[in-house]
Amino acid sequence: MQIRDKLFIGGQWVAPHGRETIDVHNAGNGEVMGRIPAGDAADADAAVKAARSAFDSWSNSSPASRAEFLEKISAGLKARADELARTIAQEVGMPLKMSSRIQAGLPIANFANYAKILKDYAFEERVGNSLVVREPAGVAVAITPWNYPLHQITLKVAPALAAGCTVVLKPSEVAPFNAFILAEVIEAAGLPKGVFNLVTGFGPTVGEALVKHPDVDVVSFTGSTRAGKRISELAAQSVKRVALELGGKSASVILDDADLAAAVKSTVNGCYLNSGQTCTALTRMLVPDSLYEQAKTIAAEVAKGFTVGDPLQESTKLGPLSSQAQLERVRSYIKKGQQEGAELVAGGAEPPEGVPAGGYYVRPTVFGRVKNSMTIAQEEIFGPVLSIIPYRDEEEAVRIANDTVYGLAGAVWSKDEARAQRVARRIRAGQVDVNGGAFNMNAPFGGFKQSGHGREAGRYGLEEFLEYNSLQLKG
């Protein structure tokens, strides 16, 4: 049982103003694995004031000195990698082996990567008689989700610190313990007091207080589109800069000349990663009508290979969902798909067999003959539910892929690389994988339409926390 009863504000672990706490549940068995403070508006105010007080000094520090701190934080996280992987596996449900590589590995790499970026980044350039300077945006608030908790924290905190901003972090109350480990690592690294602050609590209390605070200059949020809209409304009252990474309903377009088996297998893997709790999950698989029966058979076979079980067990390939609420949500969507007439190819709403009691487990599910107008094809389910949508020709495939309010990610498959790229350029999304292209931590990440605006990762993520100042020089 982990009991965290303090917040990290102004470089110190301090008691929250109130006495309310939040229970954190183990996704694998449903048991309470610990408690954290339910912070309030007074805690949010204290954190912002600490960040504002530290800003002048930190913003004027050299990029080289900031890079040294980032390297220390990366090393500190690496030293606690096993603890992080196990903690997040229990919080979120991702199998331990993958949690080690992704949930712990990516944050370690990204802190180190921003240290590297700082060493080469040009913070100023001469444009005619002007000196154009990139300056820190100010006090940054980072509000992060539970599905890739430390990774999403890192994609905000690391570039904000690199830019010279001071930070207040509000992590998800569903998966918060990894954020406390990060705060301990930052404290051990000797980051100046107030540069990084951690406040836990619920969105409507702590989150909204931070977004509305007059001393906050920029807000970076990852989460639901509904919450993103609310943040935009609140931030608009003081004209704050806002970066939003929101929902997705990504299409994997398999063209008629693709390697069908490889494309289907990769799409199912992309849909089920982290039990489908991935904003870029390839949840719509578009296949030529003539290849539907083959694609359905392959998808069902791949789905059978996703062994459901305890995330800490070696044999588990599909862990639980993160919470009881998420379990109920995903099962309701599966039932909705059946009610609307989609063909149930694999899985279903019934609980899987042989899993630990109390855990939030769901069957890996495949629907076939899905119409893009169906609920399961339009709304983000955030669970291991794949919709196979047949199409007549390439034009219809592109139309279906873009027929969504979202635009976060996608994929295109063809043995003709030029054709695949041509179709990929027509997909209205921030990231499109071509024939299984590998993840690139330096490429911009973010969406079109209701998937949000702004970009994370690499130098693009750094620039979200910088402002332009043009010095007009004489002579």
Protein backbone atom coordinates (compact mmCIF):
# COMPACT_ATOMS: atom_id res chain seq x y z
CA MET A 1 0.00 0.00 0.00
CA GLN A 2 1.47 3.32 -1.12
CA ILE A 3 0.43 6.31 0.97
CA ARG A 4 1.40 9.69 -0.42
CA ASP A 5 0.19 12.44 1.89
CA LYS A 6 2.20 15.42 0.66
CA LEU A 7 2.47 17.59 -2.43
CA PHE A 8 5.71 18.85 -3.98
CA ILE A 9 5.57 22.65 -4.00
CA GLY A 10 8.42 25.15 -3.99
CA GLY A 11 11.03 22.42 -3.76
CA GLN A 12 9.53 20.88 -0.60
CA TRP A 13 7.10 18.14 0.31
CA VAL A 14 4.24 20.00 1.96
CA ALA A 15 0.93 18.97 3.50
CA PRO A 16 -2.13 19.80 1.39
CA HIS A 17 -4.58 22.41 2.66
CA GLY A 18 -7.42 19.91 2.97
CA ARG A 19 -7.73 16.40 4.37
CA GLU A 20 -9.50 14.70 1.45
CA THR A 21 -7.74 11.76 -0.21
CA ILE A 22 -8.18 9.72 -3.37
CA ASP A 23 -7.96 5.93 -3.51
CA VAL A 24 -5.86 4.50 -6.33
CA HIS A 25 -6.85 1.04 -7.54
CA ASN A 26 -4.74 -1.81 -8.90
CA ALA A 27 -6.04 -2.50 -12.41
CA GLY A 28 -5.16 -6.18 -12.13
CA ASN A 29 -7.30 -7.02 -9.12
CA GLY A 30 -9.35 -3.92 -8.32
CA GLU A 31 -7.86 -3.55 -4.86
CA VAL A 32 -6.80 -0.21 -3.40
CA MET A 33 -3.05 0.03 -3.97
CA GLY A 34 -2.62 3.40 -2.28
CA ARG A 35 -3.88 6.91 -1.60
CA ILE A 36 -2.92 10.41 -2.68
CA PRO A 37 -4.00 13.90 -1.60
CA ALA A 38 -7.09 15.42 -3.17
CA GLY A 39 -5.64 18.88 -3.59
CA ASP A 40 -7.78 22.00 -3.83
CA ALA A 41 -7.67 25.51 -5.26
CA ALA A 42 -5.44 26.72 -2.41
CA ASP A 43 -2.86 24.05 -3.26
CA ALA A 44 -3.04 25.01 -6.93
CA ASP A 45 -2.49 28.65 -6.02
CA ALA A 46 0.52 27.82 -3.86
CA ALA A 47 2.08 25.78 -6.66
CA VAL A 48 1.57 28.52 -9.25
CA LYS A 49 3.02 31.16 -6.92
CA ALA A 50 6.07 28.97 -6.36
CA ALA A 51 6.51 28.52 -10.11
CA ARG A 52 6.09 32.27 -10.73
CA SER A 53 8.66 33.09 -8.05
CA ALA A 54 11.19 30.72 -9.64
CA PHE A 55 10.59 31.83 -13.23
CA ASP A 56 12.91 34.83 -13.54
CA SER A 57 15.98 32.92 -12.43
CA TRP A 58 15.22 29.70 -14.32
CA SER A 59 14.25 31.47 -17.55
CA ASN A 60 17.61 33.25 -17.56
CA SER A 61 19.64 30.11 -16.95
CA SER A 62 21.75 28.85 -19.83
CA PRO A 63 20.52 26.09 -22.14
CA ALA A 64 23.64 24.12 -21.19
CA SER A 65 22.80 24.20 -17.49
CA ARG A 66 19.20 23.20 -18.19
CA ALA A 67 20.46 20.31 -20.32
CA GLU A 68 22.57 19.09 -17.39
CA PHE A 69 19.49 18.94 -15.18
CA LEU A 70 17.55 17.02 -17.84
CA GLU A 71 20.37 14.50 -18.10
CA LYS A 72 20.35 14.06 -14.31
CA ILE A 73 16.59 13.48 -14.34
CA SER A 74 16.94 10.91 -17.13
CA ALA A 75 19.62 9.10 -15.15
CA GLY A 76 17.49 9.23 -11.99
CA LEU A 77 14.53 7.70 -13.79
CA LYS A 78 16.74 5.01 -15.29
CA ALA A 79 17.93 4.04 -11.81
CA ARG A 80 14.29 3.50 -10.83
CA ALA A 81 13.13 1.98 -14.12
CA ASP A 82 12.05 -1.36 -12.65
CA GLU A 83 10.02 0.38 -9.96
CA LEU A 84 8.40 2.65 -12.54
CA ALA A 85 7.51 -0.22 -14.87
CA ARG A 86 5.92 -2.26 -12.10
CA THR A 87 4.07 0.72 -10.66
CA ILE A 88 2.57 1.73 -14.00
CA ALA A 89 1.71 -1.88 -14.88
CA GLN A 90 -0.39 -1.98 -11.72
CA GLU A 91 -1.89 1.50 -12.20
CA VAL A 92 -2.76 1.15 -15.88
CA GLY A 93 -2.74 -2.58 -16.69
CA MET A 94 -0.07 -2.73 -19.39
CA PRO A 95 1.83 -6.06 -19.22
CA LEU A 96 5.08 -5.66 -17.31
CA LYS A 97 7.42 -6.49 -20.18
CA MET A 98 5.87 -3.79 -22.37
CA SER A 99 5.59 -1.41 -19.45
CA SER A 100 9.36 -1.66 -18.97
CA ARG A 101 10.02 -0.81 -22.59
CA ILE A 102 7.31 1.82 -23.14
CA GLN A 103 5.98 3.25 -19.88
CA ALA A 104 9.41 3.49 -18.22
CA GLY A 105 11.71 3.45 -21.26
CA LEU A 106 10.24 6.32 -23.26
CA PRO A 107 10.36 8.91 -20.44
CA ILE A 108 14.00 8.05 -19.75
CA ALA A 109 14.82 8.48 -23.44
CA ASN A 110 12.84 11.69 -23.84
CA PHE A 111 14.44 13.55 -20.93
CA ALA A 112 17.84 12.65 -22.39
CA ASN A 113 16.67 13.63 -25.88
CA TYR A 114 15.62 17.11 -24.77
CA ALA A 115 19.04 17.59 -23.21
CA LYS A 116 20.50 16.71 -26.60
CA ILE A 117 18.11 19.03 -28.48
CA LEU A 118 19.07 21.94 -26.21
CA LYS A 119 22.71 21.66 -27.18
CA ASP A 120 21.96 22.42 -30.84
CA TYR A 121 18.78 24.51 -30.74
CA ALA A 122 19.04 28.09 -32.05
CA PHE A 123 17.17 30.34 -29.64
CA GLU A 124 17.82 33.41 -31.80
CA GLU A 125 18.41 34.31 -35.44
CA ARG A 126 19.07 37.47 -37.44
CA VAL A 127 16.30 38.40 -39.91
CA GLY A 128 17.24 41.59 -41.75
CA ASN A 129 17.61 44.31 -39.16
CA SER A 130 15.78 42.22 -36.54
CA LEU A 131 17.11 39.81 -33.96
CA VAL A 132 14.36 37.21 -33.51
CA VAL A 133 14.63 35.63 -30.07
CA ARG A 134 12.81 32.57 -28.74
CA GLU A 135 11.99 33.13 -25.07
CA PRO A 136 10.33 30.96 -22.40
CA ALA A 137 6.53 31.30 -22.46
CA GLY A 138 6.30 31.59 -18.66
CA VAL A 139 4.62 29.44 -16.04
CA ALA A 140 3.39 26.24 -17.69
CA VAL A 141 0.64 23.97 -16.40
CA ALA A 142 0.75 20.34 -17.50
CA ILE A 143 -2.43 18.28 -17.09
CA THR A 144 -1.87 14.67 -18.05
CA PRO A 145 -3.82 11.42 -18.59
CA TRP A 146 -3.58 7.93 -17.13
CA ASN A 147 -2.98 5.73 -20.18
CA TYR A 148 0.74 6.51 -20.71
CA PRO A 149 1.11 8.51 -17.52
CA LEU A 150 4.82 9.22 -17.20
CA HIS A 151 5.36 9.36 -20.97
CA GLN A 152 2.71 12.06 -21.33
CA ILE A 153 4.11 13.90 -18.33
CA THR A 154 7.57 13.81 -19.88
CA LEU A 155 6.38 15.14 -23.25
CA LYS A 156 5.27 18.28 -21.40
CA VAL A 157 7.61 18.67 -18.44
CA ALA A 158 10.88 17.95 -20.27
CA PRO A 159 10.39 20.47 -23.12
CA ALA A 160 8.92 23.06 -20.75
CA LEU A 161 11.99 22.86 -18.51
CA ALA A 162 14.23 22.85 -21.58
CA ALA A 163 12.56 26.02 -22.83
CA GLY A 164 13.14 27.79 -19.52
CA CYS A 165 9.56 27.59 -18.26
CA THR A 166 8.64 26.68 -14.72
CA VAL A 167 6.04 23.95 -14.33
CA VAL A 168 3.03 22.89 -12.29
CA LEU A 169 2.03 19.30 -12.98
CA LYS A 170 -1.40 17.82 -12.27
CA PRO A 171 -1.23 14.12 -13.16
CA SER A 172 -4.24 11.84 -13.52
CA GLU A 173 -5.63 10.68 -10.20
CA VAL A 174 -6.09 7.22 -11.76
CA ALA A 175 -2.34 6.64 -12.25
CA PRO A 176 -0.46 9.14 -10.07
CA PHE A 177 2.30 7.26 -8.27
CA ASN A 178 4.74 7.49 -11.18
CA ALA A 179 4.49 11.29 -10.93
CA PHE A 180 5.59 11.14 -7.29
CA ILE A 181 8.60 9.07 -8.33
CA LEU A 182 9.44 11.72 -10.93
CA ALA A 183 9.17 14.46 -8.28
CA GLU A 184 11.58 12.53 -6.04
CA VAL A 185 14.00 12.16 -8.95
CA ILE A 186 13.75 15.88 -9.72
CA GLU A 187 14.36 16.73 -6.07
CA ALA A 188 17.43 14.49 -6.00
CA ALA A 189 18.71 16.09 -9.22
CA GLY A 190 18.83 19.45 -7.41
CA LEU A 191 16.48 21.36 -9.67
CA PRO A 192 16.04 24.87 -8.18
CA LYS A 193 13.09 25.27 -5.85
CA GLY A 194 9.80 26.10 -7.51
CA VAL A 195 10.88 25.17 -11.03
CA PHE A 196 8.84 21.95 -10.85
CA ASN A 197 5.73 21.52 -8.70
CA LEU A 198 3.34 18.59 -8.27
CA VAL A 199 -0.29 18.92 -7.19
CA THR A 200 -2.69 15.97 -7.28
CA GLY A 201 -6.46 16.09 -7.29
CA PHE A 202 -9.52 16.07 -9.50
CA GLY A 203 -9.89 18.05 -12.72
CA PRO A 204 -12.90 20.15 -11.71
CA THR A 205 -11.08 21.39 -8.59
CA VAL A 206 -7.30 21.45 -9.05
CA GLY A 207 -7.29 21.33 -12.85
CA GLU A 208 -9.72 24.18 -13.36
CA ALA A 209 -8.06 26.29 -10.67
CA LEU A 210 -4.73 25.94 -12.47
CA VAL A 211 -6.14 26.74 -15.91
CA LYS A 212 -7.94 29.86 -14.63
CA HIS A 213 -5.03 31.13 -12.54
CA PRO A 214 -3.92 34.61 -13.69
CA ASP A 215 -0.22 33.80 -13.21
CA VAL A 216 -0.28 30.82 -15.59
CA ASP A 217 0.89 31.59 -19.12
CA VAL A 218 0.52 28.31 -21.01
CA VAL A 219 -1.52 25.15 -20.52
CA SER A 220 -0.64 21.80 -22.08
CA PHE A 221 -3.35 19.16 -21.79
CA THR A 222 -3.70 15.57 -22.94
CA GLY A 223 -7.00 13.79 -22.42
CA SER A 224 -10.57 13.64 -23.65
CA THR A 225 -11.99 16.03 -26.22
CA ARG A 226 -14.74 16.95 -23.76
CA ALA A 227 -12.20 18.05 -21.13
CA GLY A 228 -10.13 19.80 -23.79
CA LYS A 229 -13.10 21.94 -24.75
CA ARG A 230 -13.63 22.91 -21.13
CA ILE A 231 -9.97 23.87 -20.73
CA SER A 232 -10.18 26.01 -23.87
CA GLU A 233 -13.22 27.84 -22.47
CA LEU A 234 -11.51 28.58 -19.16
CA ALA A 235 -8.15 29.55 -20.68
CA ALA A 236 -9.84 31.92 -23.13
CA GLN A 237 -10.92 34.19 -20.28
CA SER A 238 -7.30 35.25 -19.77
CA VAL A 239 -6.14 34.52 -23.35
CA LYS A 240 -3.71 31.81 -22.33
CA ARG A 241 -1.83 29.70 -24.83
CA VAL A 242 -3.25 26.19 -24.90
CA ALA A 243 -1.90 23.00 -26.47
CA LEU A 244 -4.35 20.10 -26.68
CA GLU A 245 -3.75 16.45 -27.52
CA LEU A 246 -7.18 14.86 -27.47
CA GLY A 247 -9.08 11.85 -28.79
CA GLY A 248 -8.71 9.77 -31.91
CA LYS A 249 -10.51 7.29 -34.14
CA SER A 250 -7.68 6.29 -36.40
CA ALA A 251 -8.13 4.39 -39.65
CA SER A 252 -5.76 1.76 -40.99
CA VAL A 253 -6.30 1.78 -44.75
CA ILE A 254 -5.30 -1.55 -46.32
CA LEU A 255 -5.14 -1.11 -50.08
CA ASP A 256 -5.90 -3.93 -52.50
CA ASP A 257 -2.23 -4.61 -53.31
CA ALA A 258 -1.02 -4.73 -49.68
CA ASP A 259 0.48 -7.72 -47.91
CA LEU A 260 -2.87 -8.53 -46.29
CA ALA A 261 -1.63 -10.82 -43.51
CA ALA A 262 1.09 -8.39 -42.39
CA ALA A 263 -1.21 -5.37 -42.59
CA VAL A 264 -4.04 -7.00 -40.64
CA LYS A 265 -1.71 -8.34 -37.95
CA SER A 266 -0.04 -4.96 -37.49
CA THR A 267 -3.40 -3.19 -37.37
CA VAL A 268 -4.76 -5.52 -34.69
CA ASN A 269 -1.55 -5.00 -32.69
CA GLY A 270 -1.96 -1.24 -33.12
CA CYS A 271 -5.54 -1.45 -31.91
CA TYR A 272 -4.84 -3.59 -28.86
CA LEU A 273 -1.67 -1.89 -27.60
CA ASN A 274 -2.12 -1.04 -23.92
CA SER A 275 -5.50 -2.84 -24.02
CA GLY A 276 -6.69 -0.31 -26.58
CA GLN A 277 -6.07 2.55 -24.13
CA THR A 278 -4.08 4.47 -26.72
CA CYS A 279 -5.21 7.70 -28.39
CA THR A 280 -3.57 6.67 -31.68
CA ALA A 281 -5.03 3.14 -31.62
CA LEU A 282 -5.88 1.85 -35.10
CA THR A 283 -9.48 1.11 -34.22
CA ARG A 284 -10.92 1.22 -37.77
CA MET A 285 -9.49 -1.24 -40.27
CA LEU A 286 -10.53 -0.41 -43.82
CA VAL A 287 -10.27 -3.32 -46.28
CA PRO A 288 -11.41 -3.84 -49.90
CA ASP A 289 -14.78 -5.55 -49.94
CA SER A 290 -13.30 -8.38 -52.03
CA LEU A 291 -10.77 -9.12 -49.27
CA TYR A 292 -13.14 -8.77 -46.32
CA GLU A 293 -13.58 -12.49 -45.56
CA GLN A 294 -9.82 -13.09 -45.62
CA ALA A 295 -9.14 -10.04 -43.46
CA LYS A 296 -11.83 -11.07 -40.97
CA THR A 297 -10.35 -14.55 -40.60
CA ILE A 298 -6.83 -13.21 -40.07
CA ALA A 299 -7.99 -10.61 -37.55
CA ALA A 300 -9.92 -13.19 -35.52
CA GLU A 301 -6.87 -15.45 -35.41
CA VAL A 302 -4.58 -12.61 -34.30
CA ALA A 303 -7.07 -11.59 -31.61
CA LYS A 304 -7.01 -15.12 -30.18
CA GLY A 305 -3.29 -14.71 -29.53
CA PHE A 306 -3.87 -11.85 -27.09
CA THR A 307 -3.82 -13.78 -23.83
CA VAL A 308 -5.79 -11.84 -21.21
CA GLY A 309 -4.47 -11.84 -17.67
CA ASP A 310 -2.60 -10.30 -14.77
CA PRO A 311 -0.23 -7.61 -16.11
CA LEU A 312 2.55 -8.88 -13.85
CA GLN A 313 2.44 -12.38 -15.37
CA GLU A 314 4.92 -13.26 -18.12
CA SER A 315 2.27 -14.98 -20.27
CA THR A 316 -0.07 -11.97 -20.41
CA LYS A 317 -0.32 -10.12 -23.72
CA LEU A 318 -3.49 -8.13 -22.98
CA GLY A 319 -3.77 -6.68 -19.50
CA PRO A 320 -6.82 -5.15 -17.82
CA LEU A 321 -8.32 -1.75 -18.41
CA SER A 322 -7.42 0.99 -15.94
CA SER A 323 -10.62 1.27 -13.91
CA GLN A 324 -14.12 -0.02 -13.26
CA ALA A 325 -15.55 3.01 -15.06
CA GLN A 326 -13.44 2.25 -18.12
CA LEU A 327 -14.49 -1.41 -18.04
CA GLU A 328 -18.16 -0.47 -17.99
CA ARG A 329 -17.60 2.04 -20.79
CA VAL A 330 -15.91 -0.47 -23.11
CA ARG A 331 -18.46 -3.21 -22.47
CA SER A 332 -21.28 -0.78 -23.20
CA TYR A 333 -19.71 0.01 -26.59
CA ILE A 334 -19.38 -3.68 -27.41
CA LYS A 335 -23.07 -4.17 -26.64
CA LYS A 336 -23.88 -1.09 -28.73
CA GLY A 337 -22.00 -2.56 -31.69
CA GLN A 338 -24.05 -5.72 -31.51
CA GLN A 339 -27.29 -3.77 -31.14
CA GLU A 340 -26.50 -1.68 -34.22
CA GLY A 341 -25.96 -4.79 -36.33
CA ALA A 342 -22.19 -5.14 -36.63
CA GLU A 343 -20.92 -8.69 -37.09
CA LEU A 344 -19.21 -9.95 -33.92
CA VAL A 345 -16.11 -11.72 -35.24
CA ALA A 346 -14.25 -12.25 -31.96
CA GLY A 347 -14.61 -11.40 -28.28
CA GLY A 348 -17.73 -9.83 -26.84
CA ALA A 349 -19.00 -8.12 -23.72
CA GLU A 350 -18.85 -11.20 -21.49
CA PRO A 351 -16.02 -11.26 -18.93
CA PRO A 352 -13.01 -13.31 -20.03
CA GLU A 353 -12.32 -16.58 -18.25
CA GLY A 354 -9.41 -17.36 -15.95
CA VAL A 355 -8.54 -13.80 -14.96
CA PRO A 356 -7.98 -12.49 -11.40
CA ALA A 357 -11.17 -11.60 -9.57
CA GLY A 358 -11.88 -7.90 -9.23
CA GLY A 359 -9.67 -6.83 -12.13
CA TYR A 360 -10.91 -4.73 -15.03
CA TYR A 361 -10.62 -7.30 -17.82
CA VAL A 362 -12.33 -7.32 -21.21
CA ARG A 363 -12.15 -9.69 -24.17
CA PRO A 364 -10.16 -8.60 -27.23
CA THR A 365 -12.99 -7.88 -29.64
CA VAL A 366 -13.34 -7.65 -33.43
CA PHE A 367 -16.42 -6.38 -35.26
CA GLY A 368 -16.94 -6.95 -38.98
CA ARG A 369 -19.15 -5.40 -41.66
CA VAL A 370 -19.11 -2.17 -39.69
CA LYS A 371 -20.66 0.91 -41.28
CA ASN A 372 -18.77 4.09 -40.62
CA SER A 373 -21.96 5.69 -39.35
CA MET A 374 -22.17 3.23 -36.45
CA THR A 375 -21.36 4.38 -32.93
CA ILE A 376 -18.38 2.02 -32.62
CA ALA A 377 -16.89 3.57 -35.78
CA GLN A 378 -17.40 7.18 -34.73
CA GLU A 379 -16.76 7.37 -30.98
CA GLU A 380 -13.51 6.72 -29.16
CA ILE A 381 -13.95 3.50 -27.16
CA PHE A 382 -10.50 3.35 -25.53
CA GLY A 383 -10.50 -0.41 -25.28
CA PRO A 384 -9.43 -3.42 -27.38
CA VAL A 385 -12.26 -3.16 -29.90
CA LEU A 386 -11.51 -3.26 -33.65
CA SER A 387 -14.02 -2.32 -36.36
CA ILE A 388 -13.49 -3.78 -39.85
CA ILE A 389 -15.03 -1.52 -42.50
CA PRO A 390 -15.22 -2.76 -46.12
CA TYR A 391 -14.84 -0.27 -48.97
CA ARG A 392 -15.31 -0.34 -52.76
CA ASP A 393 -12.36 1.66 -54.09
CA GLU A 394 -9.51 3.93 -53.06
CA GLU A 395 -11.61 7.08 -53.18
CA GLU A 396 -14.18 5.61 -50.82
CA ALA A 397 -11.41 4.42 -48.49
CA VAL A 398 -10.01 7.95 -48.19
CA ARG A 399 -13.50 9.37 -47.67
CA ILE A 400 -14.25 6.89 -44.88
CA ALA A 401 -10.87 7.45 -43.23
CA ASN A 402 -11.54 11.19 -43.06
CA ASP A 403 -15.21 10.84 -42.09
CA THR A 404 -14.66 11.46 -38.37
CA VAL A 405 -14.46 14.45 -36.05
CA TYR A 406 -10.96 13.28 -35.10
CA GLY A 407 -7.65 13.51 -36.92
CA LEU A 408 -4.88 12.19 -34.70
CA ALA A 409 -3.34 9.24 -36.52
CA GLY A 410 -3.75 6.60 -39.21
CA ALA A 411 -2.00 4.04 -41.35
CA VAL A 412 -1.78 3.08 -45.03
CA TRP A 413 -0.65 -0.24 -46.49
CA SER A 414 0.42 -0.96 -50.08
CA LYS A 415 3.23 -2.84 -51.80
CA ASP A 416 3.60 0.28 -53.97
CA GLU A 417 5.43 2.73 -51.68
CA ALA A 418 4.60 5.74 -53.87
CA ARG A 419 0.91 4.83 -53.85
CA ALA A 420 0.94 4.35 -50.08
CA GLN A 421 2.51 7.78 -49.57
CA ARG A 422 0.05 9.39 -51.97
CA VAL A 423 -2.91 8.01 -50.04
CA ALA A 424 -1.27 8.84 -46.69
CA ARG A 425 -0.99 12.50 -47.75
CA ARG A 426 -4.76 12.56 -48.19
CA ILE A 427 -5.48 11.36 -44.66
CA ARG A 428 -6.37 14.36 -42.49
CA ALA A 429 -4.38 13.36 -39.44
CA GLY A 430 -1.28 14.47 -37.57
CA GLN A 431 0.57 11.16 -37.91
CA VAL A 432 0.15 8.47 -40.57
CA ASP A 433 2.22 5.26 -40.54
CA VAL A 434 3.18 4.05 -44.01
CA ASN A 435 3.63 0.29 -44.29
CA GLY A 436 4.36 -0.01 -40.58
CA GLY A 437 6.78 2.91 -40.30
CA ALA A 438 8.53 3.00 -36.93
CA PHE A 439 7.76 5.43 -34.11
CA ASN A 440 10.00 8.52 -34.23
CA MET A 441 10.48 10.39 -30.97
CA ASN A 442 11.68 13.51 -32.82
CA ALA A 443 8.71 13.77 -35.19
CA PRO A 444 5.83 16.11 -34.27
CA PHE A 445 2.91 14.46 -32.50
CA GLY A 446 -0.57 15.95 -32.39
CA GLY A 447 -3.83 16.13 -34.27
CA PHE A 448 -6.21 17.82 -36.67
CA LYS A 449 -9.85 18.75 -36.01
CA GLN A 450 -11.17 17.64 -32.60
CA SER A 451 -7.99 15.72 -31.88
CA GLY A 452 -6.57 19.04 -30.76
CA HIS A 453 -3.90 21.53 -31.76
CA GLY A 454 -0.25 22.07 -31.01
CA ARG A 455 2.50 19.46 -31.27
CA GLU A 456 4.58 17.39 -28.87
CA ALA A 457 7.94 15.60 -29.18
CA GLY A 458 11.28 16.72 -30.55
CA ARG A 459 11.96 20.38 -31.25
CA TYR A 460 8.28 20.82 -32.15
CA GLY A 461 7.36 20.08 -28.54
CA LEU A 462 10.02 22.51 -27.29
CA GLU A 463 8.57 25.31 -29.41
CA GLU A 464 5.15 24.95 -27.76
CA PHE A 465 6.76 26.50 -24.66
CA LEU A 466 8.57 29.36 -26.42
CA GLU A 467 7.46 32.83 -27.49
CA TYR A 468 8.93 35.06 -30.21
CA ASN A 469 10.48 38.42 -29.32
CA SER A 470 11.63 40.48 -32.28
CA LEU A 471 14.31 43.07 -31.47
CA GLN A 472 14.35 45.73 -34.21
CA LEU A 473 17.95 46.90 -34.48
CA LYS A 474 19.23 50.13 -35.95
CA GLY A 475 21.88 49.97 -38.61
